[in-house]
């Protein structure tokens, strides 16, 4: 199912749309792709934040990171 919508574009968005059209995209295709890409980036941020939270909550991983950091510091001090 498709749905027609209308949007008001400012000069920056119009210029970007013109660049996409010049690269071969139709207006509709460019706008659809921009919406899908923006939603994917938003989801990527949510997913990344969840992964970071899981890593931060992993005590074993935190201990391992501390051990590696100590090792790296000892190697730096020797050099």
PDB file of N, CA and C in Angstrom:
ATOM      1  N   UNK A   1       0.842  -1.177   0.000  1.00  0.00           N
ATOM      2  CA  UNK A   1       0.000   0.000   0.000  1.00  0.00           C
ATOM      3  C   UNK A   1       0.892   1.248   0.000  1.00  0.00           C
ATOM      4  N   UNK A   2       0.548   2.192  -0.779  1.00  0.00           N
ATOM      5  CA  UNK A   2       1.271   3.464  -0.789  1.00  0.00           C
ATOM      6  C   UNK A   2       0.339   4.562  -0.323  1.00  0.00           C
ATOM      7  N   UNK A   3       0.938   5.651   0.152  1.00  0.00           N
ATOM      8  CA  UNK A   3       0.148   6.771   0.627  1.00  0.00           C
ATOM      9  C   UNK A   3       0.838   8.043   0.172  1.00  0.00           C
ATOM     10  N   UNK A   4       0.069   8.935  -0.377  1.00  0.00           N
ATOM     11  CA  UNK A   4       0.622  10.222  -0.803  1.00  0.00           C
ATOM     12  C   UNK A   4       0.630  11.171   0.388  1.00  0.00           C
ATOM     13  N   UNK A   5       1.743  11.899   0.532  1.00  0.00           N
ATOM     14  CA  UNK A   5       1.845  12.918   1.569  1.00  0.00           C
ATOM     15  C   UNK A   5       2.458  14.159   0.949  1.00  0.00           C
ATOM     16  N   UNK A   6       2.347  15.261   1.651  1.00  0.00           N
ATOM     17  CA  UNK A   6       3.024  16.464   1.174  1.00  0.00           C
ATOM     18  C   UNK A   6       3.938  16.951   2.292  1.00  0.00           C
ATOM     19  N   UNK A   7       5.042  17.538   1.901  1.00  0.00           N
ATOM     20  CA  UNK A   7       6.001  18.062   2.868  1.00  0.00           C
ATOM     21  C   UNK A   7       6.434  19.450   2.437  1.00  0.00           C
ATOM     22  N   UNK A   8       6.835  20.232   3.408  1.00  0.00           N
ATOM     23  CA  UNK A   8       7.400  21.552   3.117  1.00  0.00           C
ATOM     24  C   UNK A   8       8.897  21.441   3.347  1.00  0.00           C
ATOM     25  N   UNK A   9       9.662  21.744   2.335  1.00  0.00           N
ATOM     26  CA  UNK A   9      11.110  21.645   2.423  1.00  0.00           C
ATOM     27  C   UNK A   9      11.729  23.020   2.546  1.00  0.00           C
ATOM     28  N   UNK A  10      12.702  23.136   3.443  1.00  0.00           N
ATOM     29  CA  UNK A  10      13.451  24.379   3.530  1.00  0.00           C
ATOM     30  C   UNK A  10      14.524  24.373   2.444  1.00  0.00           C
ATOM     31  N   UNK A  11      15.302  25.436   2.364  1.00  0.00           N
ATOM     32  CA  UNK A  11      16.307  25.537   1.299  1.00  0.00           C
ATOM     33  C   UNK A  11      17.357  24.429   1.383  1.00  0.00           C
ATOM     34  N   UNK A  12      17.773  24.075   2.592  1.00  0.00           N
ATOM     35  CA  UNK A  12      18.773  23.021   2.757  1.00  0.00           C
ATOM     36  C   UNK A  12      18.235  21.679   2.251  1.00  0.00           C
ATOM     37  N   UNK A  13      16.997  21.354   2.618  1.00  0.00           N
ATOM     38  CA  UNK A  13      16.399  20.092   2.177  1.00  0.00           C
ATOM     39  C   UNK A  13      16.162  20.098   0.670  1.00  0.00           C
ATOM     40  N   UNK A  14      15.758  21.247   0.131  1.00  0.00           N
ATOM     41  CA  UNK A  14      15.556  21.350  -1.327  1.00  0.00           C
ATOM     42  C   UNK A  14      16.861  21.148  -2.082  1.00  0.00           C
ATOM     43  N   UNK A  15      17.930  21.744  -1.568  1.00  0.00           N
ATOM     44  CA  UNK A  15      19.231  21.586  -2.220  1.00  0.00           C
ATOM     45  C   UNK A  15      19.666  20.122  -2.180  1.00  0.00           C
ATOM     46  N   UNK A  16      19.448  19.466  -1.051  1.00  0.00           N
ATOM     47  CA  UNK A  16      19.805  18.047  -0.940  1.00  0.00           C
ATOM     48  C   UNK A  16      18.970  17.210  -1.899  1.00  0.00           C
ATOM     49  N   UNK A  17      17.693  17.519  -1.993  1.00  0.00           N
ATOM     50  CA  UNK A  17      16.817  16.796  -2.920  1.00  0.00           C
ATOM     51  C   UNK A  17      17.272  16.998  -4.362  1.00  0.00           C
ATOM     52  N   UNK A  18      17.664  18.190  -4.698  1.00  0.00           N
ATOM     53  CA  UNK A  18      18.161  18.456  -6.061  1.00  0.00           C
ATOM     54  C   UNK A  18      19.411  17.634  -6.359  1.00  0.00           C
ATOM     55  N   UNK A  19      20.304  17.507  -5.353  1.00  0.00           N
ATOM     56  CA  UNK A  19      21.510  16.690  -5.550  1.00  0.00           C
ATOM     57  C   UNK A  19      21.147  15.229  -5.769  1.00  0.00           C
ATOM     58  N   UNK A  20      20.188  14.738  -5.023  1.00  0.00           N
ATOM     59  CA  UNK A  20      19.765  13.352  -5.194  1.00  0.00           C
ATOM     60  C   UNK A  20      19.114  13.139  -6.557  1.00  0.00           C
ATOM     61  N   UNK A  21      18.325  14.106  -6.983  1.00  0.00           N
ATOM     62  CA  UNK A  21      17.708  14.013  -8.311  1.00  0.00           C
ATOM     63  C   UNK A  21      18.774  14.061  -9.401  1.00  0.00           C
ATOM     64  N   UNK A  22      19.782  14.899  -9.211  1.00  0.00           N
ATOM     65  CA  UNK A  22      20.853  14.997 -10.204  1.00  0.00           C
ATOM     66  C   UNK A  22      21.626  13.684 -10.293  1.00  0.00           C
ATOM     67  N   UNK A  23      21.626  12.925  -9.199  1.00  0.00           N
ATOM     68  CA  UNK A  23      22.317  11.633  -9.191  1.00  0.00           C
ATOM     69  C   UNK A  23      21.450  10.519  -9.753  1.00  0.00           C
ATOM     70  N   UNK A  24      20.226  10.847 -10.152  1.00  0.00           N
ATOM     71  CA  UNK A  24      19.383   9.854 -10.811  1.00  0.00           C
ATOM     72  C   UNK A  24      18.169   9.377 -10.043  1.00  0.00           C
ATOM     73  N   UNK A  25      17.982   9.846  -8.825  1.00  0.00           N
ATOM     74  CA  UNK A  25      16.802   9.441  -8.056  1.00  0.00           C
ATOM     75  C   UNK A  25      15.606  10.288  -8.435  1.00  0.00           C
ATOM     76  N   UNK A  26      14.445   9.685  -8.411  1.00  0.00           N
ATOM     77  CA  UNK A  26      13.227  10.479  -8.562  1.00  0.00           C
ATOM     78  C   UNK A  26      12.953  11.152  -7.221  1.00  0.00           C
ATOM     79  N   UNK A  27      12.112  12.162  -7.213  1.00  0.00           N
ATOM     80  CA  UNK A  27      11.776  12.827  -5.949  1.00  0.00           C
ATOM     81  C   UNK A  27      11.203  11.837  -4.952  1.00  0.00           C
ATOM     82  N   UNK A  28      10.251  11.058  -5.405  1.00  0.00           N
ATOM     83  CA  UNK A  28       9.606  10.102  -4.508  1.00  0.00           C
ATOM     84  C   UNK A  28      10.611   9.092  -3.971  1.00  0.00           C
ATOM     85  N   UNK A  29      11.450   8.573  -4.846  1.00  0.00           N
ATOM     86  CA  UNK A  29      12.455   7.585  -4.449  1.00  0.00           C
ATOM     87  C   UNK A  29      13.431   8.189  -3.430  1.00  0.00           C
ATOM     88  N   UNK A  30      13.882   9.409  -3.683  1.00  0.00           N
ATOM     89  CA  UNK A  30      14.835  10.065  -2.789  1.00  0.00           C
ATOM     90  C   UNK A  30      14.224  10.298  -1.414  1.00  0.00           C
ATOM     91  N   UNK A  31      12.996  10.747  -1.365  1.00  0.00           N
ATOM     92  CA  UNK A  31      12.332  11.014  -0.093  1.00  0.00           C
ATOM     93  C   UNK A  31      12.060   9.718   0.651  1.00  0.00           C
ATOM     94  N   UNK A  32      11.574   8.696  -0.055  1.00  0.00           N
ATOM     95  CA  UNK A  32      11.346   7.395   0.597  1.00  0.00           C
ATOM     96  C   UNK A  32      12.638   6.858   1.189  1.00  0.00           C
ATOM     97  N   UNK A  33      13.722   6.890   0.408  1.00  0.00           N
ATOM     98  CA  UNK A  33      15.013   6.358   0.867  1.00  0.00           C
ATOM     99  C   UNK A  33      15.509   7.141   2.079  1.00  0.00           C
ATOM    100  N   UNK A  34      15.331   8.471   2.074  1.00  0.00           N
ATOM    101  CA  UNK A  34      15.780   9.293   3.199  1.00  0.00           C
ATOM    102  C   UNK A  34      15.028   8.929   4.476  1.00  0.00           C
ATOM    103  N   UNK A  35      13.747   8.684   4.368  1.00  0.00           N
ATOM    104  CA  UNK A  35      12.952   8.313   5.541  1.00  0.00           C
ATOM    105  C   UNK A  35      13.392   6.956   6.073  1.00  0.00           C
ATOM    106  N   UNK A  36      13.548   5.993   5.184  1.00  0.00           N
ATOM    107  CA  UNK A  36      13.962   4.648   5.590  1.00  0.00           C
ATOM    108  C   UNK A  36      15.363   4.691   6.196  1.00  0.00           C
ATOM    109  N   UNK A  37      16.279   5.421   5.568  1.00  0.00           N
ATOM    110  CA  UNK A  37      17.647   5.516   6.088  1.00  0.00           C
ATOM    111  C   UNK A  37      17.675   6.184   7.464  1.00  0.00           C
ATOM    112  N   UNK A  38      16.886   7.244   7.654  1.00  0.00           N
ATOM    113  CA  UNK A  38      16.851   7.931   8.943  1.00  0.00           C
ATOM    114  C   UNK A  38      16.324   7.000  10.029  1.00  0.00           C
ATOM    115  N   UNK A  39      15.303   6.225   9.715  1.00  0.00           N
ATOM    116  CA  UNK A  39      14.760   5.279  10.694  1.00  0.00           C
ATOM    117  C   UNK A  39      15.782   4.193  11.020  1.00  0.00           C
ATOM    118  N   UNK A  40      16.526   3.741  10.029  1.00  0.00           N
ATOM    119  CA  UNK A  40      17.549   2.717  10.256  1.00  0.00           C
ATOM    120  C   UNK A  40      18.665   3.262  11.140  1.00  0.00           C
ATOM    121  N   UNK A  41      19.081   4.506  10.902  1.00  0.00           N
ATOM    122  CA  UNK A  41      20.122   5.115  11.741  1.00  0.00           C
ATOM    123  C   UNK A  41      19.643   5.249  13.182  1.00  0.00           C
ATOM    124  N   UNK A  42      18.388   5.624  13.345  1.00  0.00           N
ATOM    125  CA  UNK A  42      17.820   5.742  14.685  1.00  0.00           C
ATOM    126  C   UNK A  42      17.820   4.382  15.369  1.00  0.00           C
ATOM    127  N   UNK A  43      17.415   3.349  14.657  1.00  0.00           N
ATOM    128  CA  UNK A  43      17.411   2.000  15.217  1.00  0.00           C
ATOM    129  C   UNK A  43      18.824   1.546  15.538  1.00  0.00           C
ATOM    130  N   UNK A  44      19.782   1.895  14.670  1.00  0.00           N
ATOM    131  CA  UNK A  44      21.181   1.544  14.930  1.00  0.00           C
ATOM    132  C   UNK A  44      21.658   2.165  16.239  1.00  0.00           C
ATOM    133  N   UNK A  45      21.268   3.408  16.502  1.00  0.00           N
ATOM    134  CA  UNK A  45      21.668   4.076  17.742  1.00  0.00           C
ATOM    135  C   UNK A  45      21.050   3.378  18.951  1.00  0.00           C
ATOM    136  N   UNK A  46      19.782   2.987  18.826  1.00  0.00           N
ATOM    137  CA  UNK A  46      19.104   2.290  19.919  1.00  0.00           C
ATOM    138  C   UNK A  46      19.784   0.949  20.171  1.00  0.00           C
ATOM    139  N   UNK A  47      20.089   0.225  19.099  1.00  0.00           N
ATOM    140  CA  UNK A  47      20.753  -1.070  19.213  1.00  0.00           C
ATOM    141  C   UNK A  47      22.135  -0.912  19.829  1.00  0.00           C
ATOM    142  N   UNK A  48      22.897   0.074  19.365  1.00  0.00           N
ATOM    143  CA  UNK A  48      24.230   0.313  19.902  1.00  0.00           C
ATOM    144  C   UNK A  48      24.171   0.671  21.382  1.00  0.00           C
ATOM    145  N   UNK A  49      23.219   1.517  21.756  1.00  0.00           N
ATOM    146  CA  UNK A  49      23.086   1.898  23.164  1.00  0.00           C
ATOM    147  C   UNK A  49      22.777   0.669  24.022  1.00  0.00           C
ATOM    148  N   UNK A  50      21.951  -0.225  23.521  1.00  0.00           N
ATOM    149  CA  UNK A  50      21.628  -1.449  24.266  1.00  0.00           C
ATOM    150  C   UNK A  50      22.855  -2.338  24.401  1.00  0.00           C
ATOM    151  N   UNK A  51      23.658  -2.432  23.337  1.00  0.00           N
ATOM    152  CA  UNK A  51      24.879  -3.238  23.397  1.00  0.00           C
ATOM    153  C   UNK A  51      25.878  -2.643  24.389  1.00  0.00           C
ATOM    154  N   UNK A  52      26.017  -1.328  24.395  1.00  0.00           N
ATOM    155  CA  UNK A  52      26.928  -0.667  25.333  1.00  0.00           C
ATOM    156  C   UNK A  52      26.458  -0.914  26.764  1.00  0.00           C
ATOM    157  N   UNK A  53      25.162  -0.778  26.999  1.00  0.00           N
ATOM    158  CA  UNK A  53      24.629  -1.014  28.339  1.00  0.00           C
ATOM    159  C   UNK A  53      24.883  -2.452  28.781  1.00  0.00           C
ATOM    160  N   UNK A  54      24.718  -3.398  27.866  1.00  0.00           N
ATOM    161  CA  UNK A  54      24.966  -4.805  28.204  1.00  0.00           C
ATOM    162  C   UNK A  54      26.430  -5.037  28.531  1.00  0.00           C
ATOM    163  N   UNK A  55      27.324  -4.426  27.762  1.00  0.00           N
ATOM    164  CA  UNK A  55      28.758  -4.571  28.042  1.00  0.00           C
ATOM    165  C   UNK A  55      29.135  -3.937  29.377  1.00  0.00           C
ATOM    166  N   UNK A  56      28.578  -2.770  29.647  1.00  0.00           N
ATOM    167  CA  UNK A  56      28.883  -2.095  30.904  1.00  0.00           C
ATOM    168  C   UNK A  56      28.374  -2.893  32.103  1.00  0.00           C
ATOM    169  N   UNK A  57      27.312  -3.648  31.911  1.00  0.00           N
ATOM    170  CA  UNK A  57      26.745  -4.447  32.999  1.00  0.00           C
ATOM    171  C   UNK A  57      27.457  -5.788  33.170  1.00  0.00           C
ATOM    172  N   UNK A  58      28.312  -6.150  32.236  1.00  0.00           N
ATOM    173  CA  UNK A  58      29.010  -7.439  32.268  1.00  0.00           C
ATOM    174  C   UNK A  58      30.263  -7.327  33.129  1.00  0.00           C
ATOM    175  N   UNK A  59      30.162  -7.783  34.387  1.00  0.00           N
ATOM    176  CA  UNK A  59      31.284  -7.648  35.317  1.00  0.00           C
ATOM    177  C   UNK A  59      32.528  -8.401  34.844  1.00  0.00           C
ATOM    178  N   UNK A  60      32.338  -9.573  34.269  1.00  0.00           N
ATOM    179  CA  UNK A  60      33.489 -10.341  33.772  1.00  0.00           C
ATOM    180  C   UNK A  60      34.213  -9.568  32.674  1.00  0.00           C
ATOM    181  N   UNK A  61      33.461  -8.968  31.778  1.00  0.00           N
ATOM    182  CA  UNK A  61      34.059  -8.185  30.697  1.00  0.00           C
ATOM    183  C   UNK A  61      34.781  -6.967  31.267  1.00  0.00           C
ATOM    184  N   UNK A  62      34.205  -6.330  32.285  1.00  0.00           N
ATOM    185  CA  UNK A  62      34.843  -5.160  32.895  1.00  0.00           C
ATOM    186  C   UNK A  62      36.159  -5.546  33.565  1.00  0.00           C
ATOM    187  N   UNK A  63      36.176  -6.706  34.233  1.00  0.00           N
ATOM    188  CA  UNK A  63      37.425  -7.176  34.847  1.00  0.00           C
ATOM    189  C   UNK A  63      38.481  -7.442  33.772  1.00  0.00           C
ATOM    190  N   UNK A  64      38.048  -8.059  32.680  1.00  0.00           N
ATOM    191  CA  UNK A  64      38.994  -8.348  31.592  1.00  0.00           C
ATOM    192  C   UNK A  64      39.545  -7.053  31.002  1.00  0.00           C
ATOM    193  N   UNK A  65      38.690  -6.053  30.818  1.00  0.00           N
ATOM    194  CA  UNK A  65      39.153  -4.762  30.294  1.00  0.00           C
ATOM    195  C   UNK A  65      40.162  -4.125  31.243  1.00  0.00           C
ATOM    196  N   UNK A  66      39.909  -4.230  32.550  1.00  0.00           N
ATOM    197  CA  UNK A  66      40.832  -3.666  33.535  1.00  0.00           C
ATOM    198  C   UNK A  66      42.177  -4.387  33.477  1.00  0.00           C
ATOM    199  N   UNK A  67      42.139  -5.699  33.323  1.00  0.00           N
ATOM    200  CA  UNK A  67      43.373  -6.477  33.218  1.00  0.00           C
ATOM    201  C   UNK A  67      44.164  -6.067  31.988  1.00  0.00           C
ATOM    202  N   UNK A  68      43.487  -5.924  30.876  1.00  0.00           N
ATOM    203  CA  UNK A  68      44.157  -5.517  29.634  1.00  0.00           C
ATOM    204  C   UNK A  68      44.728  -4.111  29.793  1.00  0.00           C
ATOM    205  N   UNK A  69      43.960  -3.212  30.420  1.00  0.00           N
ATOM    206  CA  UNK A  69      44.444  -1.846  30.625  1.00  0.00           C
ATOM    207  C   UNK A  69      45.699  -1.841  31.498  1.00  0.00           C
ATOM    208  N   UNK A  70      45.705  -2.666  32.551  1.00  0.00           N
ATOM    209  CA  UNK A  70      46.885  -2.764  33.419  1.00  0.00           C
ATOM    210  C   UNK A  70      48.091  -3.290  32.640  1.00  0.00           C
ATOM    211  N   UNK A  71      47.848  -4.303  31.806  1.00  0.00           N
ATOM    212  CA  UNK A  71      48.933  -4.856  30.995  1.00  0.00           C
ATOM    213  C   UNK A  71      49.482  -3.794  30.046  1.00  0.00           C
ATOM    214  N   UNK A  72      48.601  -3.086  29.384  1.00  0.00           N
ATOM    215  CA  UNK A  72      49.046  -2.049  28.450  1.00  0.00           C
ATOM    216  C   UNK A  72      49.833  -0.962  29.177  1.00  0.00           C
ATOM    217  N   UNK A  73      49.376  -0.589  30.367  1.00  0.00           N
ATOM    218  CA  UNK A  73      50.080   0.428  31.147  1.00  0.00           C
ATOM    219  C   UNK A  73      51.466  -0.066  31.549  1.00  0.00           C
ATOM    220  N   UNK A  74      51.575  -1.331  31.945  1.00  0.00           N
ATOM    221  CA  UNK A  74      52.897  -1.872  32.330  1.00  0.00           C
ATOM    222  C   UNK A  74      53.828  -1.916  31.131  1.00  0.00           C
ATOM    223  N   UNK A  75      53.310  -2.220  29.969  1.00  0.00           N
ATOM    224  CA  UNK A  75      54.150  -2.242  28.771  1.00  0.00           C
ATOM    225  C   UNK A  75      54.605  -0.840  28.387  1.00  0.00           C
ATOM    226  N   UNK A  76      53.737   0.132  28.555  1.00  0.00           N
ATOM    227  CA  UNK A  76      54.079   1.516  28.242  1.00  0.00           C
ATOM    228  C   UNK A  76      55.169   2.007  29.200  1.00  0.00           C
ATOM    229  N   UNK A  77      55.065   1.658  30.448  1.00  0.00           N
ATOM    230  CA  UNK A  77      56.031   2.112  31.436  1.00  0.00           C
ATOM    231  C   UNK A  77      57.417   1.524  31.180  1.00  0.00           C
ATOM    232  N   UNK A  78      57.463   0.316  30.615  1.00  0.00           N
ATOM    233  CA  UNK A  78      58.746  -0.311  30.333  1.00  0.00           C
ATOM    234  C   UNK A  78      59.446   0.320  29.139  1.00  0.00           C
ATOM    235  N   UNK A  79      58.678   0.820  28.183  1.00  0.00           N
ATOM    236  CA  UNK A  79      59.245   1.329  26.946  1.00  0.00           C
ATOM    237  C   UNK A  79      59.725   2.696  27.095  1.00  0.00           C
TER     238      UNK A  79
END
